[in-house]
């Protein structure tokens, strides 16, 4: 059981026993704001529901949840389907809501996630390329210092120049 739930339960039990909030603060050494907040909720619920109050915290009614209505989600989904490359900030401006509202709607309501592809050194990709491509170079053969894997830029010209120089010098030696 969480300490917050235990704290709320202890305060409510003490309030039901007729203890004043000041007595609860002195006895349990709980923060004043917590005790008075729970006491206020207890008093309001006592007036409404004849003394019944559960120790669980009420779920807050957020403005974000109210803004993310079914109509809002439908409009957002339509805008994303029309042009998936539109930035979230632009969608927020068009829908006249905050950027985080759109962000939460995309992730929580529409369940959209961004997927990052694995590097091409994955064994699955390497094995497929070895089997299906005729002239595929394995990752062990890739030239050093080649971020875009273009062997002509970094590796081939150096090897070609060195080989030709040695061949030409042996051929044209007097």
C-alpha atoms as a PDB file:
ATOM      1  CA  UNK A   1       0.000   0.000   0.000  1.00  0.00           C
ATOM      2  CA  UNK A   2       1.352   3.440  -0.825  1.00  0.00           C
ATOM      3  CA  UNK A   3       2.271   5.861   1.932  1.00  0.00           C
ATOM      4  CA  UNK A   4      -0.006   8.507   0.403  1.00  0.00           C
ATOM      5  CA  UNK A   5      -3.004   6.185   0.559  1.00  0.00           C
ATOM      6  CA  UNK A   6      -2.133   5.233   4.150  1.00  0.00           C
ATOM      7  CA  UNK A   7      -1.835   8.913   5.053  1.00  0.00           C
ATOM      8  CA  UNK A   8      -5.198   9.768   3.483  1.00  0.00           C
ATOM      9  CA  UNK A   9      -6.848   6.783   5.187  1.00  0.00           C
ATOM     10  CA  UNK A  10      -5.434   7.740   8.599  1.00  0.00           C
ATOM     11  CA  UNK A  11      -6.655  11.322   8.229  1.00  0.00           C
ATOM     12  CA  UNK A  12     -10.154  10.226   7.185  1.00  0.00           C
ATOM     13  CA  UNK A  13     -10.411   7.728  10.048  1.00  0.00           C
ATOM     14  CA  UNK A  14      -9.341  10.424  12.509  1.00  0.00           C
ATOM     15  CA  UNK A  15     -11.886  12.858  11.036  1.00  0.00           C
ATOM     16  CA  UNK A  16     -14.633  10.219  11.320  1.00  0.00           C
ATOM     17  CA  UNK A  17     -13.679   9.767  14.975  1.00  0.00           C
ATOM     18  CA  UNK A  18     -14.306  13.459  15.515  1.00  0.00           C
ATOM     19  CA  UNK A  19     -10.730  14.726  15.707  1.00  0.00           C
ATOM     20  CA  UNK A  20      -9.977  18.277  14.631  1.00  0.00           C
ATOM     21  CA  UNK A  21      -7.485  18.879  11.803  1.00  0.00           C
ATOM     22  CA  UNK A  22      -5.095  20.571  14.277  1.00  0.00           C
ATOM     23  CA  UNK A  23      -5.081  17.442  16.475  1.00  0.00           C
ATOM     24  CA  UNK A  24      -4.378  15.248  13.434  1.00  0.00           C
ATOM     25  CA  UNK A  25      -1.460  17.475  12.389  1.00  0.00           C
ATOM     26  CA  UNK A  26       0.047  17.375  15.896  1.00  0.00           C
ATOM     27  CA  UNK A  27      -0.455  13.627  16.354  1.00  0.00           C
ATOM     28  CA  UNK A  28       0.603  12.284  12.928  1.00  0.00           C
ATOM     29  CA  UNK A  29       3.011  15.120  12.003  1.00  0.00           C
ATOM     30  CA  UNK A  30       1.400  15.363   8.568  1.00  0.00           C
ATOM     31  CA  UNK A  31       1.688  18.556   6.475  1.00  0.00           C
ATOM     32  CA  UNK A  32      -0.980  21.160   7.206  1.00  0.00           C
ATOM     33  CA  UNK A  33      -1.970  21.552   3.561  1.00  0.00           C
ATOM     34  CA  UNK A  34      -2.570  17.814   3.197  1.00  0.00           C
ATOM     35  CA  UNK A  35      -4.688  17.517   6.348  1.00  0.00           C
ATOM     36  CA  UNK A  36      -6.780  20.613   5.643  1.00  0.00           C
ATOM     37  CA  UNK A  37      -7.300  19.605   2.003  1.00  0.00           C
ATOM     38  CA  UNK A  38      -8.541  16.143   2.989  1.00  0.00           C
ATOM     39  CA  UNK A  39     -10.627  17.629   5.818  1.00  0.00           C
ATOM     40  CA  UNK A  40     -12.277  19.999   3.355  1.00  0.00           C
ATOM     41  CA  UNK A  41     -13.052  17.120   0.968  1.00  0.00           C
ATOM     42  CA  UNK A  42     -14.391  15.100   3.902  1.00  0.00           C
ATOM     43  CA  UNK A  43     -16.634  17.962   5.027  1.00  0.00           C
ATOM     44  CA  UNK A  44     -17.988  18.477   1.489  1.00  0.00           C
ATOM     45  CA  UNK A  45     -18.655  14.778   1.008  1.00  0.00           C
ATOM     46  CA  UNK A  46     -20.263  14.538   4.446  1.00  0.00           C
ATOM     47  CA  UNK A  47     -22.773  17.178   3.420  1.00  0.00           C
ATOM     48  CA  UNK A  48     -23.472  15.422   0.109  1.00  0.00           C
ATOM     49  CA  UNK A  49     -23.133  11.713   0.817  1.00  0.00           C
ATOM     50  CA  UNK A  50     -23.815  11.542   4.564  1.00  0.00           C
ATOM     51  CA  UNK A  51     -20.267  10.977   5.752  1.00  0.00           C
ATOM     52  CA  UNK A  52     -18.985   8.573   3.111  1.00  0.00           C
ATOM     53  CA  UNK A  53     -15.579   9.319   1.624  1.00  0.00           C
ATOM     54  CA  UNK A  54     -13.206   6.844   0.098  1.00  0.00           C
ATOM     55  CA  UNK A  55      -9.519   7.323   0.813  1.00  0.00           C
ATOM     56  CA  UNK A  56      -8.596   7.067  -2.863  1.00  0.00           C
ATOM     57  CA  UNK A  57      -7.687  10.255  -4.607  1.00  0.00           C
ATOM     58  CA  UNK A  58     -10.248  11.553  -7.057  1.00  0.00           C
ATOM     59  CA  UNK A  59      -9.229  11.647 -10.692  1.00  0.00           C
ATOM     60  CA  UNK A  60      -8.735  15.251 -11.762  1.00  0.00           C
ATOM     61  CA  UNK A  61     -10.912  16.701 -14.468  1.00  0.00           C
ATOM     62  CA  UNK A  62      -8.179  18.163 -16.629  1.00  0.00           C
ATOM     63  CA  UNK A  63      -8.818  20.764 -19.272  1.00  0.00           C
ATOM     64  CA  UNK A  64      -6.686  18.678 -21.643  1.00  0.00           C
ATOM     65  CA  UNK A  65      -9.065  15.750 -21.322  1.00  0.00           C
ATOM     66  CA  UNK A  66     -12.022  18.027 -22.002  1.00  0.00           C
ATOM     67  CA  UNK A  67     -10.327  19.496 -25.081  1.00  0.00           C
ATOM     68  CA  UNK A  68      -9.577  16.054 -26.485  1.00  0.00           C
ATOM     69  CA  UNK A  69     -13.158  15.265 -27.414  1.00  0.00           C
ATOM     70  CA  UNK A  70     -14.154  12.732 -30.062  1.00  0.00           C
ATOM     71  CA  UNK A  71     -14.657  15.560 -32.569  1.00  0.00           C
ATOM     72  CA  UNK A  72     -11.189  16.958 -31.801  1.00  0.00           C
ATOM     73  CA  UNK A  73      -9.593  13.517 -32.255  1.00  0.00           C
ATOM     74  CA  UNK A  74     -11.426  13.010 -35.563  1.00  0.00           C
ATOM     75  CA  UNK A  75     -10.271  16.389 -36.891  1.00  0.00           C
ATOM     76  CA  UNK A  76      -6.707  15.680 -35.775  1.00  0.00           C
ATOM     77  CA  UNK A  77      -6.724  12.241 -37.405  1.00  0.00           C
ATOM     78  CA  UNK A  78      -8.032  13.732 -40.659  1.00  0.00           C
ATOM     79  CA  UNK A  79      -5.325  16.410 -40.664  1.00  0.00           C
ATOM     80  CA  UNK A  80      -2.614  13.804 -40.044  1.00  0.00           C
ATOM     81  CA  UNK A  81      -3.975  11.515 -42.766  1.00  0.00           C
ATOM     82  CA  UNK A  82      -4.080  14.407 -45.252  1.00  0.00           C
ATOM     83  CA  UNK A  83      -0.438  15.338 -44.658  1.00  0.00           C
ATOM     84  CA  UNK A  84       1.573  13.230 -42.194  1.00  0.00           C
ATOM     85  CA  UNK A  85       4.610  15.507 -42.481  1.00  0.00           C
ATOM     86  CA  UNK A  86       2.911  18.495 -40.805  1.00  0.00           C
ATOM     87  CA  UNK A  87       4.697  19.410 -37.544  1.00  0.00           C
ATOM     88  CA  UNK A  88       2.844  19.127 -34.242  1.00  0.00           C
ATOM     89  CA  UNK A  89       3.167  22.867 -33.621  1.00  0.00           C
ATOM     90  CA  UNK A  90       1.391  23.602 -36.917  1.00  0.00           C
ATOM     91  CA  UNK A  91      -1.388  21.146 -36.056  1.00  0.00           C
ATOM     92  CA  UNK A  92      -1.783  22.872 -32.687  1.00  0.00           C
ATOM     93  CA  UNK A  93      -2.067  26.288 -34.335  1.00  0.00           C
ATOM     94  CA  UNK A  94      -4.663  25.044 -36.813  1.00  0.00           C
ATOM     95  CA  UNK A  95      -6.715  23.393 -34.057  1.00  0.00           C
ATOM     96  CA  UNK A  96      -6.258  26.403 -31.750  1.00  0.00           C
ATOM     97  CA  UNK A  97      -4.913  24.349 -28.816  1.00  0.00           C
ATOM     98  CA  UNK A  98      -1.574  24.038 -27.059  1.00  0.00           C
ATOM     99  CA  UNK A  99       1.161  21.885 -28.573  1.00  0.00           C
ATOM    100  CA  UNK A 100       1.170  19.470 -25.619  1.00  0.00           C
ATOM    101  CA  UNK A 101      -2.552  18.835 -26.076  1.00  0.00           C
ATOM    102  CA  UNK A 102      -1.903  17.678 -29.637  1.00  0.00           C
ATOM    103  CA  UNK A 103       1.123  15.694 -28.493  1.00  0.00           C
ATOM    104  CA  UNK A 104      -0.880  13.859 -25.806  1.00  0.00           C
ATOM    105  CA  UNK A 105      -3.729  13.231 -28.240  1.00  0.00           C
ATOM    106  CA  UNK A 106      -1.369  11.728 -30.810  1.00  0.00           C
ATOM    107  CA  UNK A 107       0.392   9.464 -28.324  1.00  0.00           C
ATOM    108  CA  UNK A 108      -2.488   8.497 -26.010  1.00  0.00           C
ATOM    109  CA  UNK A 109      -5.656   8.716 -28.101  1.00  0.00           C
ATOM    110  CA  UNK A 110      -4.390   7.898 -31.587  1.00  0.00           C
ATOM    111  CA  UNK A 111      -1.659   5.557 -30.299  1.00  0.00           C
ATOM    112  CA  UNK A 112       0.878   6.837 -32.822  1.00  0.00           C
ATOM    113  CA  UNK A 113       4.533   6.219 -32.064  1.00  0.00           C
ATOM    114  CA  UNK A 114       7.657   7.145 -33.903  1.00  0.00           C
ATOM    115  CA  UNK A 115       9.657   4.136 -34.879  1.00  0.00           C
ATOM    116  CA  UNK A 116      13.396   4.388 -35.338  1.00  0.00           C
ATOM    117  CA  UNK A 117      14.909   1.874 -37.718  1.00  0.00           C
ATOM    118  CA  UNK A 118      17.854  -0.178 -36.600  1.00  0.00           C
ATOM    119  CA  UNK A 119      21.258   0.345 -38.151  1.00  0.00           C
ATOM    120  CA  UNK A 120      22.062  -1.618 -41.290  1.00  0.00           C
ATOM    121  CA  UNK A 121      24.625  -3.660 -39.418  1.00  0.00           C
ATOM    122  CA  UNK A 122      21.822  -5.778 -38.042  1.00  0.00           C
ATOM    123  CA  UNK A 123      22.532  -9.461 -38.600  1.00  0.00           C
ATOM    124  CA  UNK A 124      19.153  -9.938 -40.247  1.00  0.00           C
ATOM    125  CA  UNK A 125      19.855  -7.223 -42.828  1.00  0.00           C
ATOM    126  CA  UNK A 126      23.432  -8.379 -43.349  1.00  0.00           C
ATOM    127  CA  UNK A 127      22.345 -11.988 -43.933  1.00  0.00           C
ATOM    128  CA  UNK A 128      19.598 -10.955 -46.352  1.00  0.00           C
ATOM    129  CA  UNK A 129      22.002  -8.775 -48.332  1.00  0.00           C
ATOM    130  CA  UNK A 130      24.615 -11.549 -48.503  1.00  0.00           C
ATOM    131  CA  UNK A 131      22.034 -13.993 -49.861  1.00  0.00           C
ATOM    132  CA  UNK A 132      20.214 -11.693 -52.289  1.00  0.00           C
ATOM    133  CA  UNK A 133      22.789  -9.202 -53.584  1.00  0.00           C
ATOM    134  CA  UNK A 134      25.573 -10.267 -55.919  1.00  0.00           C
ATOM    135  CA  UNK A 135      28.192  -7.627 -55.191  1.00  0.00           C
ATOM    136  CA  UNK A 136      27.449  -6.973 -51.508  1.00  0.00           C
ATOM    137  CA  UNK A 137      30.355  -6.019 -49.254  1.00  0.00           C
ATOM    138  CA  UNK A 138      30.068  -7.337 -45.713  1.00  0.00           C
ATOM    139  CA  UNK A 139      30.540  -4.895 -42.867  1.00  0.00           C
ATOM    140  CA  UNK A 140      34.035  -6.266 -42.248  1.00  0.00           C
ATOM    141  CA  UNK A 141      35.056  -5.210 -45.783  1.00  0.00           C
ATOM    142  CA  UNK A 142      33.607  -1.705 -45.597  1.00  0.00           C
ATOM    143  CA  UNK A 143      36.359   0.876 -45.897  1.00  0.00           C
ATOM    144  CA  UNK A 144      37.424   2.730 -42.763  1.00  0.00           C
ATOM    145  CA  UNK A 145      36.260   6.308 -42.160  1.00  0.00           C
ATOM    146  CA  UNK A 146      33.403   6.059 -44.631  1.00  0.00           C
ATOM    147  CA  UNK A 147      30.272   7.438 -42.983  1.00  0.00           C
ATOM    148  CA  UNK A 148      28.134   7.115 -46.107  1.00  0.00           C
ATOM    149  CA  UNK A 149      29.735   3.840 -47.219  1.00  0.00           C
ATOM    150  CA  UNK A 150      30.973   5.267 -50.491  1.00  0.00           C
ATOM    151  CA  UNK A 151      34.263   3.462 -51.062  1.00  0.00           C
ATOM    152  CA  UNK A 152      35.261   5.701 -53.969  1.00  0.00           C
ATOM    153  CA  UNK A 153      35.507   8.758 -51.723  1.00  0.00           C
ATOM    154  CA  UNK A 154      37.799   7.418 -49.050  1.00  0.00           C
ATOM    155  CA  UNK A 155      39.281   4.026 -49.827  1.00  0.00           C
ATOM    156  CA  UNK A 156      39.343   3.126 -53.495  1.00  0.00           C
ATOM    157  CA  UNK A 157      41.261   6.131 -54.824  1.00  0.00           C
ATOM    158  CA  UNK A 158      44.025   5.712 -52.281  1.00  0.00           C
ATOM    159  CA  UNK A 159      44.407   2.004 -53.040  1.00  0.00           C
ATOM    160  CA  UNK A 160      44.201   2.614 -56.809  1.00  0.00           C
ATOM    161  CA  UNK A 161      46.791   5.391 -56.683  1.00  0.00           C
ATOM    162  CA  UNK A 162      49.176   3.283 -54.608  1.00  0.00           C
ATOM    163  CA  UNK A 163      48.794   0.258 -56.890  1.00  0.00           C
ATOM    164  CA  UNK A 164      49.185   2.256 -60.106  1.00  0.00           C
ATOM    165  CA  UNK A 165      52.193   4.118 -58.784  1.00  0.00           C
ATOM    166  CA  UNK A 166      53.968   0.884 -57.914  1.00  0.00           C
ATOM    167  CA  UNK A 167      53.026  -0.725 -61.264  1.00  0.00           C
ATOM    168  CA  UNK A 168      53.999   2.322 -63.305  1.00  0.00           C
ATOM    169  CA  UNK A 169      57.317   2.735 -61.561  1.00  0.00           C
ATOM    170  CA  UNK A 170      58.223  -0.898 -62.224  1.00  0.00           C
ATOM    171  CA  UNK A 171      57.165  -0.635 -65.891  1.00  0.00           C
ATOM    172  CA  UNK A 172      58.863   2.643 -66.688  1.00  0.00           C
ATOM    173  CA  UNK A 173      62.083   2.184 -64.913  1.00  0.00           C
ATOM    174  CA  UNK A 174      64.972   2.652 -67.274  1.00  0.00           C
END
